[in-house]
Amino acid sequence: MPGITREEVAHLARLSRLELQAEELDHFAEQLDVIIGAVARVSEVAGQDVPPTSHPLPLTNVMRADEVRPSLTPEQALSGAPAAEEQRFRVPQILGED
């Protein structure tokens, strides 16, 4: 497989809206060529009997069940707040919306 060219790197840079200097095009072409080669080697090793995976080990959901538990009342939660309104924390407006 031929290596990635500096024209292809320039094209990718334009698509990504990156402004690259001439020496950067050569440098990134070499780096991308190494990356593409590494991916190709991994593809050669993975046979038809190896299913694609995102993790080498299976993941398990470790979240607890959602159960009602004793907690603070709204008054207790807001007792230390500098400002409260309608049982909510009142914070300064930042978006300019009403």
PDB file of N, CA and C in Angstrom:
ATOM      1  N   MET A   1       0.852  -1.177   0.000  1.00  0.00           N
ATOM      2  CA  MET A   1       0.000   0.000   0.000  1.00  0.00           C
ATOM      3  C   MET A   1       0.894   1.235   0.000  1.00  0.00           C
ATOM      4  N   PRO A   2       0.688   2.138  -0.951  1.00  0.00           N
ATOM      5  CA  PRO A   2       1.524   3.343  -0.986  1.00  0.00           C
ATOM      6  C   PRO A   2       1.244   4.235   0.217  1.00  0.00           C
ATOM      7  N   GLY A   3       2.265   4.985   0.612  1.00  0.00           N
ATOM      8  CA  GLY A   3       2.132   5.879   1.763  1.00  0.00           C
ATOM      9  C   GLY A   3       1.207   7.042   1.470  1.00  0.00           C
ATOM     10  N   ILE A   4       0.780   7.692   2.525  1.00  0.00           N
ATOM     11  CA  ILE A   4      -0.088   8.858   2.380  1.00  0.00           C
ATOM     12  C   ILE A   4       0.750  10.016   1.827  1.00  0.00           C
ATOM     13  N   THR A   5       0.194  10.748   0.908  1.00  0.00           N
ATOM     14  CA  THR A   5       0.936  11.837   0.270  1.00  0.00           C
ATOM     15  C   THR A   5       0.692  13.151   0.989  1.00  0.00           C
ATOM     16  N   ARG A   6       1.574  14.106   0.735  1.00  0.00           N
ATOM     17  CA  ARG A   6       1.389  15.420   1.356  1.00  0.00           C
ATOM     18  C   ARG A   6       0.143  16.104   0.801  1.00  0.00           C
ATOM     19  N   GLU A   7      -0.267  15.755  -0.456  1.00  0.00           N
ATOM     20  CA  GLU A   7      -1.497  16.313  -1.010  1.00  0.00           C
ATOM     21  C   GLU A   7      -2.713  15.791  -0.239  1.00  0.00           C
ATOM     22  N   GLU A   8      -2.660  14.515   0.148  1.00  0.00           N
ATOM     23  CA  GLU A   8      -3.754  13.961   0.946  1.00  0.00           C
ATOM     24  C   GLU A   8      -3.796  14.605   2.336  1.00  0.00           C
ATOM     25  N   VAL A   9      -2.632  14.857   2.911  1.00  0.00           N
ATOM     26  CA  VAL A   9      -2.572  15.537   4.201  1.00  0.00           C
ATOM     27  C   VAL A   9      -3.126  16.957   4.057  1.00  0.00           C
ATOM     28  N   ALA A  10      -2.770  17.641   2.986  1.00  0.00           N
ATOM     29  CA  ALA A  10      -3.279  18.995   2.748  1.00  0.00           C
ATOM     30  C   ALA A  10      -4.798  18.967   2.591  1.00  0.00           C
ATOM     31  N   HIS A  11      -5.309  17.946   1.910  1.00  0.00           N
ATOM     32  CA  HIS A  11      -6.754  17.805   1.742  1.00  0.00           C
ATOM     33  C   HIS A  11      -7.434  17.583   3.098  1.00  0.00           C
ATOM     34  N   LEU A  12      -6.871  16.681   3.905  1.00  0.00           N
ATOM     35  CA  LEU A  12      -7.417  16.444   5.245  1.00  0.00           C
ATOM     36  C   LEU A  12      -7.360  17.711   6.091  1.00  0.00           C
ATOM     37  N   ALA A  13      -6.288  18.472   5.964  1.00  0.00           N
ATOM     38  CA  ALA A  13      -6.152  19.718   6.726  1.00  0.00           C
ATOM     39  C   ALA A  13      -7.235  20.713   6.314  1.00  0.00           C
ATOM     40  N   ARG A  14      -7.491  20.807   5.006  1.00  0.00           N
ATOM     41  CA  ARG A  14      -8.547  21.714   4.539  1.00  0.00           C
ATOM     42  C   ARG A  14      -9.906  21.283   5.073  1.00  0.00           C
ATOM     43  N   LEU A  15     -10.184  19.983   5.026  1.00  0.00           N
ATOM     44  CA  LEU A  15     -11.454  19.479   5.549  1.00  0.00           C
ATOM     45  C   LEU A  15     -11.592  19.760   7.043  1.00  0.00           C
ATOM     46  N   SER A  16     -10.462  19.711   7.759  1.00  0.00           N
ATOM     47  CA  SER A  16     -10.457  19.956   9.210  1.00  0.00           C
ATOM     48  C   SER A  16     -10.305  21.424   9.544  1.00  0.00           C
ATOM     49  N   ARG A  17     -10.186  22.240   8.515  1.00  0.00           N
ATOM     50  CA  ARG A  17      -9.985  23.687   8.673  1.00  0.00           C
ATOM     51  C   ARG A  17      -8.731  23.992   9.481  1.00  0.00           C
ATOM     52  N   LEU A  18      -7.657  23.250   9.154  1.00  0.00           N
ATOM     53  CA  LEU A  18      -6.358  23.482   9.768  1.00  0.00           C
ATOM     54  C   LEU A  18      -5.432  24.118   8.747  1.00  0.00           C
ATOM     55  N   GLU A  19      -4.685  25.103   9.170  1.00  0.00           N
ATOM     56  CA  GLU A  19      -3.712  25.728   8.293  1.00  0.00           C
ATOM     57  C   GLU A  19      -2.336  25.158   8.629  1.00  0.00           C
ATOM     58  N   LEU A  20      -1.775  24.378   7.696  1.00  0.00           N
ATOM     59  CA  LEU A  20      -0.490  23.740   7.924  1.00  0.00           C
ATOM     60  C   LEU A  20       0.579  24.342   7.024  1.00  0.00           C
ATOM     61  N   GLN A  21       1.780  24.452   7.560  1.00  0.00           N
ATOM     62  CA  GLN A  21       2.931  24.913   6.774  1.00  0.00           C
ATOM     63  C   GLN A  21       3.454  23.747   5.942  1.00  0.00           C
ATOM     64  N   ALA A  22       4.286  24.034   4.940  1.00  0.00           N
ATOM     65  CA  ALA A  22       4.801  23.011   4.029  1.00  0.00           C
ATOM     66  C   ALA A  22       5.563  21.918   4.782  1.00  0.00           C
ATOM     67  N   GLU A  23       6.399  22.327   5.753  1.00  0.00           N
ATOM     68  CA  GLU A  23       7.179  21.322   6.489  1.00  0.00           C
ATOM     69  C   GLU A  23       6.272  20.457   7.377  1.00  0.00           C
ATOM     70  N   GLU A  24       5.152  21.019   7.830  1.00  0.00           N
ATOM     71  CA  GLU A  24       4.208  20.249   8.632  1.00  0.00           C
ATOM     72  C   GLU A  24       3.518  19.185   7.783  1.00  0.00           C
ATOM     73  N   LEU A  25       3.258  19.497   6.522  1.00  0.00           N
ATOM     74  CA  LEU A  25       2.626  18.519   5.636  1.00  0.00           C
ATOM     75  C   LEU A  25       3.490  17.273   5.512  1.00  0.00           C
ATOM     76  N   ASP A  26       4.789  17.463   5.311  1.00  0.00           N
ATOM     77  CA  ASP A  26       5.699  16.318   5.206  1.00  0.00           C
ATOM     78  C   ASP A  26       5.761  15.545   6.525  1.00  0.00           C
ATOM     79  N   HIS A  27       5.852  16.279   7.628  1.00  0.00           N
ATOM     80  CA  HIS A  27       5.949  15.654   8.942  1.00  0.00           C
ATOM     81  C   HIS A  27       4.696  14.832   9.252  1.00  0.00           C
ATOM     82  N   PHE A  28       3.515  15.406   9.020  1.00  0.00           N
ATOM     83  CA  PHE A  28       2.271  14.698   9.300  1.00  0.00           C
ATOM     84  C   PHE A  28       2.051  13.545   8.325  1.00  0.00           C
ATOM     85  N   ALA A  29       2.516  13.680   7.092  1.00  0.00           N
ATOM     86  CA  ALA A  29       2.399  12.577   6.127  1.00  0.00           C
ATOM     87  C   ALA A  29       3.160  11.367   6.645  1.00  0.00           C
ATOM     88  N   GLU A  30       4.360  11.578   7.176  1.00  0.00           N
ATOM     89  CA  GLU A  30       5.147  10.471   7.740  1.00  0.00           C
ATOM     90  C   GLU A  30       4.434   9.863   8.941  1.00  0.00           C
ATOM     91  N   GLN A  31       3.934  10.710   9.838  1.00  0.00           N
ATOM     92  CA  GLN A  31       3.273  10.210  11.036  1.00  0.00           C
ATOM     93  C   GLN A  31       1.998   9.438  10.688  1.00  0.00           C
ATOM     94  N   LEU A  32       1.196   9.978   9.782  1.00  0.00           N
ATOM     95  CA  LEU A  32      -0.039   9.293   9.398  1.00  0.00           C
ATOM     96  C   LEU A  32       0.252   7.977   8.692  1.00  0.00           C
ATOM     97  N   ASP A  33       1.339   7.927   7.938  1.00  0.00           N
ATOM     98  CA  ASP A  33       1.729   6.694   7.267  1.00  0.00           C
ATOM     99  C   ASP A  33       2.052   5.608   8.296  1.00  0.00           C
ATOM    100  N   VAL A  34       2.726   5.981   9.371  1.00  0.00           N
ATOM    101  CA  VAL A  34       3.049   5.022  10.441  1.00  0.00           C
ATOM    102  C   VAL A  34       1.759   4.545  11.121  1.00  0.00           C
ATOM    103  N   ILE A  35       0.844   5.472  11.382  1.00  0.00           N
ATOM    104  CA  ILE A  35      -0.425   5.114  12.030  1.00  0.00           C
ATOM    105  C   ILE A  35      -1.236   4.169  11.144  1.00  0.00           C
ATOM    106  N   ILE A  36      -1.327   4.484   9.862  1.00  0.00           N
ATOM    107  CA  ILE A  36      -2.091   3.643   8.939  1.00  0.00           C
ATOM    108  C   ILE A  36      -1.445   2.259   8.839  1.00  0.00           C
ATOM    109  N   GLY A  37      -0.128   2.209   8.852  1.00  0.00           N
ATOM    110  CA  GLY A  37       0.574   0.919   8.834  1.00  0.00           C
ATOM    111  C   GLY A  37       0.277   0.091  10.072  1.00  0.00           C
ATOM    112  N   ALA A  38       0.229   0.737  11.234  1.00  0.00           N
ATOM    113  CA  ALA A  38      -0.065   0.021  12.477  1.00  0.00           C
ATOM    114  C   ALA A  38      -1.484  -0.535  12.460  1.00  0.00           C
ATOM    115  N   VAL A  39      -2.427   0.250  11.971  1.00  0.00           N
ATOM    116  CA  VAL A  39      -3.812  -0.223  11.875  1.00  0.00           C
ATOM    117  C   VAL A  39      -3.900  -1.394  10.897  1.00  0.00           C
ATOM    118  N   ALA A  40      -3.174  -1.338   9.808  1.00  0.00           N
ATOM    119  CA  ALA A  40      -3.174  -2.428   8.834  1.00  0.00           C
ATOM    120  C   ALA A  40      -2.616  -3.706   9.453  1.00  0.00           C
ATOM    121  N   ARG A  41      -1.573  -3.584  10.278  1.00  0.00           N
ATOM    122  CA  ARG A  41      -1.006  -4.770  10.934  1.00  0.00           C
ATOM    123  C   ARG A  41      -2.014  -5.391  11.902  1.00  0.00           C
ATOM    124  N   VAL A  42      -2.742  -4.570  12.634  1.00  0.00           N
ATOM    125  CA  VAL A  42      -3.757  -5.087  13.550  1.00  0.00           C
ATOM    126  C   VAL A  42      -4.851  -5.787  12.751  1.00  0.00           C
ATOM    127  N   SER A  43      -5.233  -5.226  11.626  1.00  0.00           N
ATOM    128  CA  SER A  43      -6.272  -5.832  10.791  1.00  0.00           C
ATOM    129  C   SER A  43      -5.822  -7.196  10.266  1.00  0.00           C
ATOM    130  N   GLU A  44      -4.531  -7.349   9.988  1.00  0.00           N
ATOM    131  CA  GLU A  44      -4.016  -8.636   9.506  1.00  0.00           C
ATOM    132  C   GLU A  44      -4.102  -9.701  10.591  1.00  0.00           C
ATOM    133  N   VAL A  45      -3.863  -9.322  11.837  1.00  0.00           N
ATOM    134  CA  VAL A  45      -3.839 -10.274  12.946  1.00  0.00           C
ATOM    135  C   VAL A  45      -5.240 -10.738  13.297  1.00  0.00           C
ATOM    136  N   ALA A  46      -6.201  -9.828  13.275  1.00  0.00           N
ATOM    137  CA  ALA A  46      -7.575 -10.179  13.642  1.00  0.00           C
ATOM    138  C   ALA A  46      -8.179 -11.051  12.562  1.00  0.00           C
ATOM    139  N   GLY A  47      -8.477 -12.305  12.926  1.00  0.00           N
ATOM    140  CA  GLY A  47      -9.051 -13.239  11.967  1.00  0.00           C
ATOM    141  C   GLY A  47     -10.561 -13.159  11.966  1.00  0.00           C
ATOM    142  N   GLN A  48     -11.167 -13.998  11.131  1.00  0.00           N
ATOM    143  CA  GLN A  48     -12.626 -14.019  11.019  1.00  0.00           C
ATOM    144  C   GLN A  48     -13.277 -14.515  12.305  1.00  0.00           C
ATOM    145  N   ASP A  49     -12.539 -15.326  13.084  1.00  0.00           N
ATOM    146  CA  ASP A  49     -13.112 -15.884  14.302  1.00  0.00           C
ATOM    147  C   ASP A  49     -13.004 -14.935  15.501  1.00  0.00           C
ATOM    148  N   VAL A  50     -12.410 -13.755  15.316  1.00  0.00           N
ATOM    149  CA  VAL A  50     -12.271 -12.781  16.396  1.00  0.00           C
ATOM    150  C   VAL A  50     -13.325 -11.691  16.195  1.00  0.00           C
ATOM    151  N   PRO A  51     -14.322 -11.626  17.097  1.00  0.00           N
ATOM    152  CA  PRO A  51     -15.366 -10.610  16.921  1.00  0.00           C
ATOM    153  C   PRO A  51     -14.838  -9.220  17.272  1.00  0.00           C
ATOM    154  N   PRO A  52     -15.326  -8.181  16.592  1.00  0.00           N
ATOM    155  CA  PRO A  52     -14.912  -6.822  16.933  1.00  0.00           C
ATOM    156  C   PRO A  52     -15.402  -6.463  18.338  1.00  0.00           C
ATOM    157  N   THR A  53     -14.562  -5.803  19.104  1.00  0.00           N
ATOM    158  CA  THR A  53     -14.920  -5.418  20.472  1.00  0.00           C
ATOM    159  C   THR A  53     -14.439  -4.007  20.760  1.00  0.00           C
ATOM    160  N   SER A  54     -15.073  -3.382  21.737  1.00  0.00           N
ATOM    161  CA  SER A  54     -14.621  -2.067  22.169  1.00  0.00           C
ATOM    162  C   SER A  54     -13.764  -2.168  23.417  1.00  0.00           C
ATOM    163  N   HIS A  55     -13.861  -3.327  24.128  1.00  0.00           N
ATOM    164  CA  HIS A  55     -13.089  -3.545  25.351  1.00  0.00           C
ATOM    165  C   HIS A  55     -12.598  -4.993  25.361  1.00  0.00           C
ATOM    166  N   PRO A  56     -11.412  -5.226  25.896  1.00  0.00           N
ATOM    167  CA  PRO A  56     -10.909  -6.598  25.920  1.00  0.00           C
ATOM    168  C   PRO A  56     -11.660  -7.500  26.896  1.00  0.00           C
ATOM    169  N   LEU A  57     -12.252  -6.915  27.935  1.00  0.00           N
ATOM    170  CA  LEU A  57     -13.011  -7.683  28.916  1.00  0.00           C
ATOM    171  C   LEU A  57     -14.454  -7.210  28.913  1.00  0.00           C
ATOM    172  N   PRO A  58     -15.396  -8.097  29.185  1.00  0.00           N
ATOM    173  CA  PRO A  58     -16.801  -7.663  29.202  1.00  0.00           C
ATOM    174  C   PRO A  58     -17.043  -6.646  30.317  1.00  0.00           C
ATOM    175  N   LEU A  59     -17.918  -5.703  30.047  1.00  0.00           N
ATOM    176  CA  LEU A  59     -18.266  -4.687  31.036  1.00  0.00           C
ATOM    177  C   LEU A  59     -19.552  -5.085  31.746  1.00  0.00           C
ATOM    178  N   THR A  60     -19.637  -4.734  33.024  1.00  0.00           N
ATOM    179  CA  THR A  60     -20.815  -5.020  33.818  1.00  0.00           C
ATOM    180  C   THR A  60     -21.301  -3.736  34.456  1.00  0.00           C
ATOM    181  N   ASN A  61     -22.596  -3.513  34.426  1.00  0.00           N
ATOM    182  CA  ASN A  61     -23.171  -2.333  35.051  1.00  0.00           C
ATOM    183  C   ASN A  61     -23.088  -2.518  36.563  1.00  0.00           C
ATOM    184  N   VAL A  62     -22.417  -1.593  37.251  1.00  0.00           N
ATOM    185  CA  VAL A  62     -22.228  -1.721  38.692  1.00  0.00           C
ATOM    186  C   VAL A  62     -23.077  -0.713  39.471  1.00  0.00           C
ATOM    187  N   MET A  63     -24.096  -0.161  38.846  1.00  0.00           N
ATOM    188  CA  MET A  63     -24.945   0.817  39.521  1.00  0.00           C
ATOM    189  C   MET A  63     -25.916   0.107  40.457  1.00  0.00           C
ATOM    190  N   ARG A  64     -26.202   0.752  41.568  1.00  0.00           N
ATOM    191  CA  ARG A  64     -27.157   0.197  42.517  1.00  0.00           C
ATOM    192  C   ARG A  64     -28.578   0.494  42.055  1.00  0.00           C
ATOM    193  N   ALA A  65     -29.515  -0.217  42.635  1.00  0.00           N
ATOM    194  CA  ALA A  65     -30.925   0.016  42.308  1.00  0.00           C
ATOM    195  C   ALA A  65     -31.337   1.404  42.794  1.00  0.00           C
ATOM    196  N   ASP A  66     -32.241   2.019  42.076  1.00  0.00           N
ATOM    197  CA  ASP A  66     -32.737   3.346  42.434  1.00  0.00           C
ATOM    198  C   ASP A  66     -33.852   3.183  43.465  1.00  0.00           C
ATOM    199  N   GLU A  67     -33.502   3.460  44.727  1.00  0.00           N
ATOM    200  CA  GLU A  67     -34.458   3.289  45.810  1.00  0.00           C
ATOM    201  C   GLU A  67     -34.587   4.592  46.584  1.00  0.00           C
ATOM    202  N   VAL A  68     -35.787   4.845  47.096  1.00  0.00           N
ATOM    203  CA  VAL A  68     -36.022   6.030  47.916  1.00  0.00           C
ATOM    204  C   VAL A  68     -35.303   5.823  49.244  1.00  0.00           C
ATOM    205  N   ARG A  69     -34.508   6.823  49.634  1.00  0.00           N
ATOM    206  CA  ARG A  69     -33.772   6.759  50.890  1.00  0.00           C
ATOM    207  C   ARG A  69     -33.970   8.075  51.628  1.00  0.00           C
ATOM    208  N   PRO A  70     -33.767   8.082  52.931  1.00  0.00           N
ATOM    209  CA  PRO A  70     -33.888   9.334  53.673  1.00  0.00           C
ATOM    210  C   PRO A  70     -32.879  10.362  53.147  1.00  0.00           C
ATOM    211  N   SER A  71     -33.328  11.604  53.022  1.00  0.00           N
ATOM    212  CA  SER A  71     -32.447  12.656  52.531  1.00  0.00           C
ATOM    213  C   SER A  71     -32.867  13.984  53.146  1.00  0.00           C
ATOM    214  N   LEU A  72     -32.200  15.042  52.749  1.00  0.00           N
ATOM    215  CA  LEU A  72     -32.503  16.370  53.268  1.00  0.00           C
ATOM    216  C   LEU A  72     -33.839  16.879  52.727  1.00  0.00           C
ATOM    217  N   THR A  73     -34.514  17.654  53.544  1.00  0.00           N
ATOM    218  CA  THR A  73     -35.705  18.343  53.065  1.00  0.00           C
ATOM    219  C   THR A  73     -35.229  19.529  52.224  1.00  0.00           C
ATOM    220  N   PRO A  74     -36.098  20.098  51.381  1.00  0.00           N
ATOM    221  CA  PRO A  74     -35.675  21.283  50.617  1.00  0.00           C
ATOM    222  C   PRO A  74     -35.181  22.410  51.526  1.00  0.00           C
ATOM    223  N   GLU A  75     -35.817  22.582  52.665  1.00  0.00           N
ATOM    224  CA  GLU A  75     -35.391  23.647  53.581  1.00  0.00           C
ATOM    225  C   GLU A  75     -33.989  23.382  54.121  1.00  0.00           C
ATOM    226  N   GLN A  76     -33.705  22.137  54.479  1.00  0.00           N
ATOM    227  CA  GLN A  76     -32.377  21.792  54.985  1.00  0.00           C
ATOM    228  C   GLN A  76     -31.320  21.976  53.892  1.00  0.00           C
ATOM    229  N   ALA A  77     -31.632  21.546  52.682  1.00  0.00           N
ATOM    230  CA  ALA A  77     -30.674  21.647  51.588  1.00  0.00           C
ATOM    231  C   ALA A  77     -30.369  23.103  51.257  1.00  0.00           C
ATOM    232  N   LEU A  78     -31.369  23.966  51.346  1.00  0.00           N
ATOM    233  CA  LEU A  78     -31.196  25.372  50.988  1.00  0.00           C
ATOM    234  C   LEU A  78     -30.771  26.245  52.165  1.00  0.00           C
ATOM    235  N   SER A  79     -30.649  25.666  53.351  1.00  0.00           N
ATOM    236  CA  SER A  79     -30.356  26.464  54.544  1.00  0.00           C
ATOM    237  C   SER A  79     -29.019  27.197  54.453  1.00  0.00           C
ATOM    238  N   GLY A  80     -28.031  26.658  53.785  1.00  0.00           N
ATOM    239  CA  GLY A  80     -26.728  27.320  53.676  1.00  0.00           C
ATOM    240  C   GLY A  80     -26.540  28.091  52.390  1.00  0.00           C
ATOM    241  N   ALA A  81     -27.563  28.135  51.537  1.00  0.00           N
ATOM    242  CA  ALA A  81     -27.436  28.823  50.246  1.00  0.00           C
ATOM    243  C   ALA A  81     -27.510  30.334  50.444  1.00  0.00           C
ATOM    244  N   PRO A  82     -26.715  31.091  49.689  1.00  0.00           N
ATOM    245  CA  PRO A  82     -26.790  32.542  49.796  1.00  0.00           C
ATOM    246  C   PRO A  82     -28.131  33.101  49.324  1.00  0.00           C
ATOM    247  N   ALA A  83     -28.783  32.411  48.382  1.00  0.00           N
ATOM    248  CA  ALA A  83     -30.088  32.870  47.893  1.00  0.00           C
ATOM    249  C   ALA A  83     -30.892  31.656  47.428  1.00  0.00           C
ATOM    250  N   ALA A  84     -32.195  31.674  47.698  1.00  0.00           N
ATOM    251  CA  ALA A  84     -33.087  30.598  47.279  1.00  0.00           C
ATOM    252  C   ALA A  84     -34.382  31.217  46.784  1.00  0.00           C
ATOM    253  N   GLU A  85     -35.042  30.492  45.867  1.00  0.00           N
ATOM    254  CA  GLU A  85     -36.310  30.963  45.312  1.00  0.00           C
ATOM    255  C   GLU A  85     -37.120  29.747  44.886  1.00  0.00           C
ATOM    256  N   GLU A  86     -38.352  29.640  45.345  1.00  0.00           N
ATOM    257  CA  GLU A  86     -39.253  28.533  45.001  1.00  0.00           C
ATOM    258  C   GLU A  86     -38.603  27.170  45.238  1.00  0.00           C
ATOM    259  N   GLN A  87     -38.000  27.001  46.391  1.00  0.00           N
ATOM    260  CA  GLN A  87     -37.317  25.770  46.785  1.00  0.00           C
ATOM    261  C   GLN A  87     -36.197  25.370  45.824  1.00  0.00           C
ATOM    262  N   ARG A  88     -35.513  26.364  45.281  1.00  0.00           N
ATOM    263  CA  ARG A  88     -34.379  26.133  44.371  1.00  0.00           C
ATOM    264  C   ARG A  88     -33.250  27.069  44.753  1.00  0.00           C
ATOM    265  N   PHE A  89     -32.018  26.687  44.384  1.00  0.00           N
ATOM    266  CA  PHE A  89     -30.888  27.583  44.551  1.00  0.00           C
ATOM    267  C   PHE A  89     -31.030  28.722  43.556  1.00  0.00           C
ATOM    268  N   ARG A  90     -30.873  29.959  44.001  1.00  0.00           N
ATOM    269  CA  ARG A  90     -30.929  31.103  43.104  1.00  0.00           C
ATOM    270  C   ARG A  90     -29.495  31.476  42.754  1.00  0.00           C
ATOM    271  N   VAL A  91     -29.209  31.539  41.460  1.00  0.00           N
ATOM    272  CA  VAL A  91     -27.862  31.871  40.973  1.00  0.00           C
ATOM    273  C   VAL A  91     -27.958  33.047  40.024  1.00  0.00           C
ATOM    274  N   PRO A  92     -26.864  33.776  39.820  1.00  0.00           N
ATOM    275  CA  PRO A  92     -26.894  34.903  38.888  1.00  0.00           C
ATOM    276  C   PRO A  92     -27.206  34.436  37.459  1.00  0.00           C
ATOM    277  N   GLN A  93     -27.947  35.254  36.737  1.00  0.00           N
ATOM    278  CA  GLN A  93     -28.293  34.964  35.342  1.00  0.00           C
ATOM    279  C   GLN A  93     -27.038  35.129  34.493  1.00  0.00           C
ATOM    280  N   ILE A  94     -26.775  34.160  33.610  1.00  0.00           N
ATOM    281  CA  ILE A  94     -25.562  34.232  32.783  1.00  0.00           C
ATOM    282  C   ILE A  94     -25.857  34.239  31.294  1.00  0.00           C
ATOM    283  N   LEU A  95     -27.037  33.850  30.874  1.00  0.00           N
ATOM    284  CA  LEU A  95     -27.335  33.742  29.442  1.00  0.00           C
ATOM    285  C   LEU A  95     -28.097  34.923  28.879  1.00  0.00           C
ATOM    286  N   GLY A  96     -28.527  35.840  29.716  1.00  0.00           N
ATOM    287  CA  GLY A  96     -29.248  36.996  29.227  1.00  0.00           C
ATOM    288  C   GLY A  96     -30.674  36.702  28.842  1.00  0.00           C
ATOM    289  N   GLU A  97     -31.213  35.580  29.290  1.00  0.00           N
ATOM    290  CA  GLU A  97     -32.598  35.225  28.975  1.00  0.00           C
ATOM    291  C   GLU A  97     -33.467  35.503  30.201  1.00  0.00           C
ATOM    292  N   ASP A  98     -34.753  35.760  29.950  1.00  0.00           N
ATOM    293  CA  ASP A  98     -35.682  35.991  31.060  1.00  0.00           C
ATOM    294  C   ASP A  98     -36.362  34.702  31.467  1.00  0.00           C
TER     295      ASP A  98
END
